[in-house]
Amino acid sequence: MRALITNDDGIDSAGLRTLAQVAVAAGLKVTIAAPDGERSGTSAAMSGLAAGGRLLVADRTLDGLDDVPTVAVQASPAMIVFVGSHGAFGPPPDIVLAGINRGPNIGRAILHSGTVGAALTGASAGLPSMAVSLASERARHWDTAAVATARALEWFLPRAGGPAVVNVNVPDRPADQLRGLHAARLAPYGVARAIIGEPGEGFIPITFSQLEAQPGDATDLVLLREGWATVTLVEGLSESSALDLSTLG
C-alpha cells in the first residue's frame, strides 16, 4: 500500500519524520512530499505553481528515513496531495497521511487547517486519508504521538477501502499518561474564540481567548483535555466503525 505523506509545518518538521517512521513501521511504501516551509492555516488552498505551470521541488533526505523518497515542494499541502494523486511524485498513492501537526486541530475550526485540508483533498481524489496532530503549540512528546498514530493506523488501514477522512489529535503528555484512543465528535468551533474590540481609526482590535470545555461533553476538545487521543470521522466510513474506537480505552 503506497502512502503519500505531507504536512503544513514544512519539510523539516519533527512531526513529519515521526509520521513517516510510523508509516514505514506499519509496512506502508512511503513517499514524502511536503512544503519547503510553513504553510499553516492554508486549508485546502491550491497554491504553488510557478510561471509556466511549473511545480518547484528539491530532493531531500530526512534523518532515519534514508531509503524513503522525499521532496520539498514550493506549494500548499492540498496542492501537493492533488498533484501527488495524479502521479507527480511517483505512482499514485493508495492513502494520504498528513501531519503530525504541531498544535491541535479540533472542532469545526479544522476547516482552516492545512493538515486537514491535505486529507480532505486526498478524499476528494478518492483516497482514504488521515490527519494527525500533537495538541500543543510547544509539542514535546513526539513518542506519545507515534504510539497513538500507530494504533490509529492499525484501526484505520483495514477500513481504508475508499475516500474517507479521519482526524486524530494526541495530547502532549508522556506515553504512560495517555488514556488511549477515543472516538470523538467535533467541538462547536475550536480551541479559541475571537473578541472584537472598539474600532479605531484604520484598525479593529482583535484578541483571542481559550474556549472552556464542558464536562461530560464527548467532543475532541473535552476528551483531549481528559488525556485521550481523539479520533474523529470527518468524511466517509460508517459511524459505527468510528465509534468502535471508544472501546479501546
Protein backbone atom coordinates (compact mmCIF):
# COMPACT_ATOMS: atom_id res chain seq x y z
CA MET A 1 0.00 0.00 0.00
CA ARG A 2 1.53 3.29 -1.12
CA ALA A 3 1.29 6.25 1.26
CA LEU A 4 1.85 9.89 0.36
CA ILE A 5 2.87 11.83 3.47
CA THR A 6 2.70 15.61 3.73
CA ASN A 7 2.13 18.32 6.34
CA ASP A 8 1.71 22.07 6.76
CA ASP A 9 4.61 22.68 9.18
CA GLY A 10 7.21 22.12 6.48
CA ILE A 11 9.73 19.53 5.39
CA ASP A 12 11.95 19.96 8.47
CA SER A 13 9.20 19.27 10.99
CA ALA A 14 9.80 16.65 13.69
CA GLY A 15 6.18 15.59 13.28
CA LEU A 16 6.66 14.79 9.60
CA ARG A 17 9.57 12.47 10.40
CA THR A 18 7.62 10.84 13.21
CA LEU A 19 4.62 10.14 10.97
CA ALA A 20 6.80 8.73 8.20
CA GLN A 21 8.62 6.43 10.63
CA VAL A 22 5.31 5.12 11.97
CA ALA A 23 4.03 4.54 8.43
CA VAL A 24 7.18 2.67 7.40
CA ALA A 25 6.94 0.51 10.54
CA ALA A 26 3.32 -0.27 9.61
CA GLY A 27 4.54 -1.72 6.30
CA LEU A 28 3.47 1.12 4.02
CA LYS A 29 5.52 2.09 0.97
CA VAL A 30 6.11 5.73 1.81
CA THR A 31 6.78 8.81 -0.31
CA ILE A 32 7.21 12.16 1.46
CA ALA A 33 6.26 15.36 -0.35
CA ALA A 34 5.96 18.32 2.00
CA PRO A 35 6.08 22.11 1.73
CA ASP A 36 9.53 23.67 1.77
CA GLY A 37 8.39 25.89 4.66
CA GLU A 38 5.50 26.71 6.95
CA ARG A 39 2.05 26.53 5.32
CA SER A 40 -0.17 26.50 8.39
CA GLY A 41 -3.72 27.78 8.01
CA THR A 42 -3.86 27.18 4.27
CA SER A 43 -6.87 24.85 4.47
CA ALA A 44 -7.37 23.24 1.04
CA ALA A 45 -5.88 26.15 -0.90
CA MET A 46 -4.42 25.18 -4.27
CA SER A 47 -1.32 27.36 -4.41
CA GLY A 48 2.23 26.85 -5.52
CA LEU A 49 2.57 26.64 -9.29
CA ALA A 50 5.26 28.92 -10.66
CA ALA A 51 5.21 30.61 -14.08
CA GLY A 52 4.59 28.22 -16.93
CA GLY A 53 2.78 25.73 -14.71
CA ARG A 54 5.99 24.53 -13.04
CA LEU A 55 5.97 22.90 -9.62
CA LEU A 56 9.26 23.75 -7.91
CA VAL A 57 10.75 20.83 -5.99
CA ALA A 58 14.02 19.79 -4.34
CA ASP A 59 15.08 16.28 -3.33
CA ARG A 60 15.75 15.86 0.37
CA THR A 61 16.89 13.18 2.80
CA LEU A 62 15.44 13.06 6.31
CA ASP A 63 17.23 11.61 9.31
CA GLY A 64 16.28 7.97 9.86
CA LEU A 65 14.47 7.81 6.52
CA ASP A 66 17.38 7.45 4.10
CA ASP A 67 15.53 5.00 1.85
CA VAL A 68 12.28 6.97 1.69
CA PRO A 69 11.81 9.17 -1.42
CA THR A 70 11.50 12.71 -0.08
CA VAL A 71 10.91 16.00 -1.82
CA ALA A 72 10.44 19.57 -0.60
CA VAL A 73 7.79 21.35 -2.63
CA GLN A 74 7.07 25.05 -3.01
CA ALA A 75 3.33 24.55 -2.69
CA SER A 76 0.47 24.21 -0.24
CA PRO A 77 -0.27 20.79 1.29
CA ALA A 78 -3.52 20.48 -0.66
CA MET A 79 -1.77 21.22 -3.94
CA ILE A 80 0.87 18.61 -3.09
CA VAL A 81 -1.80 15.97 -2.47
CA PHE A 82 -3.75 16.96 -5.57
CA VAL A 83 -0.80 16.62 -7.93
CA GLY A 84 0.51 13.62 -5.99
CA SER A 85 -2.75 11.78 -6.58
CA HIS A 86 -2.05 12.24 -10.30
CA GLY A 87 1.43 10.75 -10.09
CA ALA A 88 3.62 13.83 -9.59
CA PHE A 89 5.88 12.05 -7.08
CA GLY A 90 5.81 8.53 -8.48
CA PRO A 91 2.99 6.02 -8.72
CA PRO A 92 -0.25 7.46 -7.33
CA PRO A 93 -0.75 6.70 -3.62
CA ASP A 94 -3.34 4.41 -2.06
CA ILE A 95 -3.60 6.50 1.09
CA VAL A 96 -2.75 10.04 2.24
CA LEU A 97 -1.30 10.77 5.69
CA ALA A 98 -0.94 14.38 6.86
CA GLY A 99 0.98 15.60 9.92
CA ILE A 100 1.97 15.14 12.57
CA ASN A 101 0.91 18.74 13.09
CA ARG A 102 2.37 20.87 15.86
CA GLY A 103 -0.71 22.11 17.72
CA PRO A 104 -4.31 20.91 17.92
CA ASN A 105 -6.69 20.59 15.01
CA ILE A 106 -10.02 20.24 16.74
CA GLY A 107 -13.61 21.36 16.43
CA ARG A 108 -15.18 22.83 13.34
CA ALA A 109 -12.17 25.12 13.02
CA ILE A 110 -10.37 22.22 11.31
CA LEU A 111 -11.60 23.70 8.03
CA HIS A 112 -8.76 26.26 8.36
CA SER A 113 -6.04 23.64 8.82
CA GLY A 114 -3.55 22.89 6.06
CA THR A 115 -3.07 19.44 7.61
CA VAL A 116 -6.77 18.60 7.47
CA GLY A 117 -7.05 20.35 4.10
CA ALA A 118 -4.50 17.91 2.70
CA ALA A 119 -6.56 14.98 3.99
CA LEU A 120 -9.77 16.41 2.56
CA THR A 121 -8.05 16.83 -0.79
CA GLY A 122 -6.96 13.20 -0.65
CA ALA A 123 -10.54 12.11 -0.07
CA SER A 124 -11.73 14.27 -2.96
CA ALA A 125 -9.33 12.25 -5.13
CA GLY A 126 -10.94 9.03 -3.90
CA LEU A 127 -8.28 8.18 -1.30
CA PRO A 128 -8.58 7.26 2.38
CA SER A 129 -6.82 9.98 4.33
CA MET A 130 -5.75 10.61 7.91
CA ALA A 131 -4.70 13.87 9.55
CA VAL A 132 -2.74 13.70 12.81
CA SER A 133 -1.86 16.45 15.31
CA LEU A 134 0.02 16.66 18.59
CA ALA A 135 -2.21 19.03 20.51
CA SER A 136 0.26 21.61 21.82
CA GLU A 137 1.99 24.52 20.13
CA ARG A 138 5.05 23.64 22.24
CA ALA A 139 4.85 20.00 21.23
CA ARG A 140 7.35 17.81 23.10
CA HIS A 141 6.07 14.25 23.37
CA TRP A 142 6.53 13.03 19.82
CA ASP A 143 6.96 9.49 21.19
CA THR A 144 3.40 9.66 22.51
CA ALA A 145 2.20 10.89 19.13
CA ALA A 146 3.98 7.95 17.50
CA VAL A 147 2.28 5.42 19.80
CA ALA A 148 -1.18 6.89 19.22
CA THR A 149 -0.65 7.23 15.47
CA ALA A 150 0.48 3.61 15.16
CA ARG A 151 -2.66 2.46 16.96
CA ALA A 152 -4.89 4.72 14.86
CA LEU A 153 -3.30 3.38 11.67
CA GLU A 154 -3.80 -0.18 12.89
CA TRP A 155 -7.51 0.58 13.19
CA PHE A 156 -7.79 2.66 10.02
CA LEU A 157 -5.91 0.62 7.41
CA PRO A 158 -8.29 -2.37 7.32
CA ARG A 159 -11.17 0.07 6.76
CA ALA A 160 -9.36 2.24 4.20
CA GLY A 161 -11.02 0.99 1.07
CA GLY A 162 -12.28 4.28 -0.31
CA PRO A 163 -12.47 8.04 0.25
CA ALA A 164 -12.57 8.91 3.93
CA VAL A 165 -11.06 11.48 6.28
CA VAL A 166 -10.16 10.69 9.87
CA ASN A 167 -8.79 13.40 12.15
CA VAL A 168 -6.56 12.31 15.06
CA ASN A 169 -5.42 14.54 17.93
CA VAL A 170 -2.96 13.38 20.57
CA PRO A 171 -2.48 15.07 23.97
CA ASP A 172 1.05 16.31 24.55
CA ARG A 173 1.85 14.20 27.60
CA PRO A 174 4.10 11.23 28.42
CA ALA A 175 3.02 7.97 26.81
CA ASP A 176 2.28 6.35 30.16
CA GLN A 177 -0.26 9.10 30.83
CA LEU A 178 -2.14 8.54 27.56
CA ARG A 179 -5.55 7.04 28.33
CA GLY A 180 -5.93 5.51 24.87
CA LEU A 181 -7.88 6.27 21.70
CA HIS A 182 -11.44 7.52 21.89
CA ALA A 183 -13.97 8.35 19.20
CA ALA A 184 -14.99 11.99 19.38
CA ARG A 185 -17.23 14.45 17.66
CA LEU A 186 -16.10 17.90 16.65
CA ALA A 187 -16.43 20.68 19.19
CA PRO A 188 -18.68 23.55 18.05
CA TYR A 189 -15.72 25.64 16.94
CA GLY A 190 -12.13 25.14 18.08
CA VAL A 191 -9.81 25.98 20.96
CA ALA A 192 -10.23 29.77 20.88
CA ARG A 193 -12.74 32.50 20.20
CA ALA A 194 -12.13 35.98 18.82
CA ILE A 195 -13.01 39.05 20.87
CA ILE A 196 -13.62 42.16 18.79
CA GLY A 197 -12.85 45.49 20.44
CA GLU A 198 -14.00 49.01 19.71
CA PRO A 199 -12.83 50.02 16.20
CA GLY A 200 -10.25 52.79 15.99
CA GLU A 201 -9.07 54.97 13.13
CA GLY A 202 -7.99 52.46 10.47
CA PHE A 203 -7.95 49.41 12.73
CA ILE A 204 -10.10 46.90 14.61
CA PRO A 205 -8.57 45.41 17.80
CA ILE A 206 -8.87 41.63 17.99
CA THR A 207 -7.82 39.38 20.87
CA PHE A 208 -8.28 35.69 21.46
CA SER A 209 -9.38 33.71 24.49
CA GLN A 210 -9.40 29.98 25.11
CA LEU A 211 -12.74 28.23 24.99
CA GLU A 212 -13.81 26.32 28.06
CA ALA A 213 -14.62 22.64 27.71
CA GLN A 214 -17.96 21.43 29.03
CA PRO A 215 -17.53 18.41 31.36
CA GLY A 216 -19.18 15.25 30.09
CA ASP A 217 -19.33 16.55 26.54
CA ALA A 218 -17.75 13.87 24.28
CA THR A 219 -16.10 16.33 21.90
CA ASP A 220 -12.49 16.27 20.76
CA LEU A 221 -11.84 19.38 22.89
CA VAL A 222 -13.06 17.75 26.12
CA LEU A 223 -11.57 14.31 25.56
CA LEU A 224 -8.15 15.73 24.72
CA ARG A 225 -8.09 17.63 27.99
CA GLU A 226 -9.02 14.41 29.78
CA GLY A 227 -5.95 12.67 28.32
CA TRP A 228 -7.45 10.77 25.40
CA ALA A 229 -6.15 10.70 21.85
CA THR A 230 -9.25 11.55 19.84
CA VAL A 231 -10.32 10.07 16.52
CA THR A 232 -13.00 11.94 14.61
CA LEU A 233 -14.63 10.79 11.41
CA VAL A 234 -14.81 13.83 9.15
CA GLU A 235 -15.92 12.11 5.97
CA GLY A 236 -16.57 8.53 4.80
CA LEU A 237 -16.56 5.13 6.53
CA SER A 238 -19.53 4.37 8.74
CA GLU A 239 -20.43 5.92 12.05
CA SER A 240 -20.37 2.50 13.73
CA SER A 241 -16.78 1.87 12.54
CA ALA A 242 -15.61 5.12 14.10
CA LEU A 243 -17.45 4.53 17.34
CA ASP A 244 -15.75 1.15 17.77
CA LEU A 245 -12.72 3.14 18.90
CA SER A 246 -14.46 4.12 22.13
CA THR A 247 -13.92 0.59 23.41
CA LEU A 248 -10.13 0.69 23.06
CA GLY A 249 -9.53 2.59 26.29
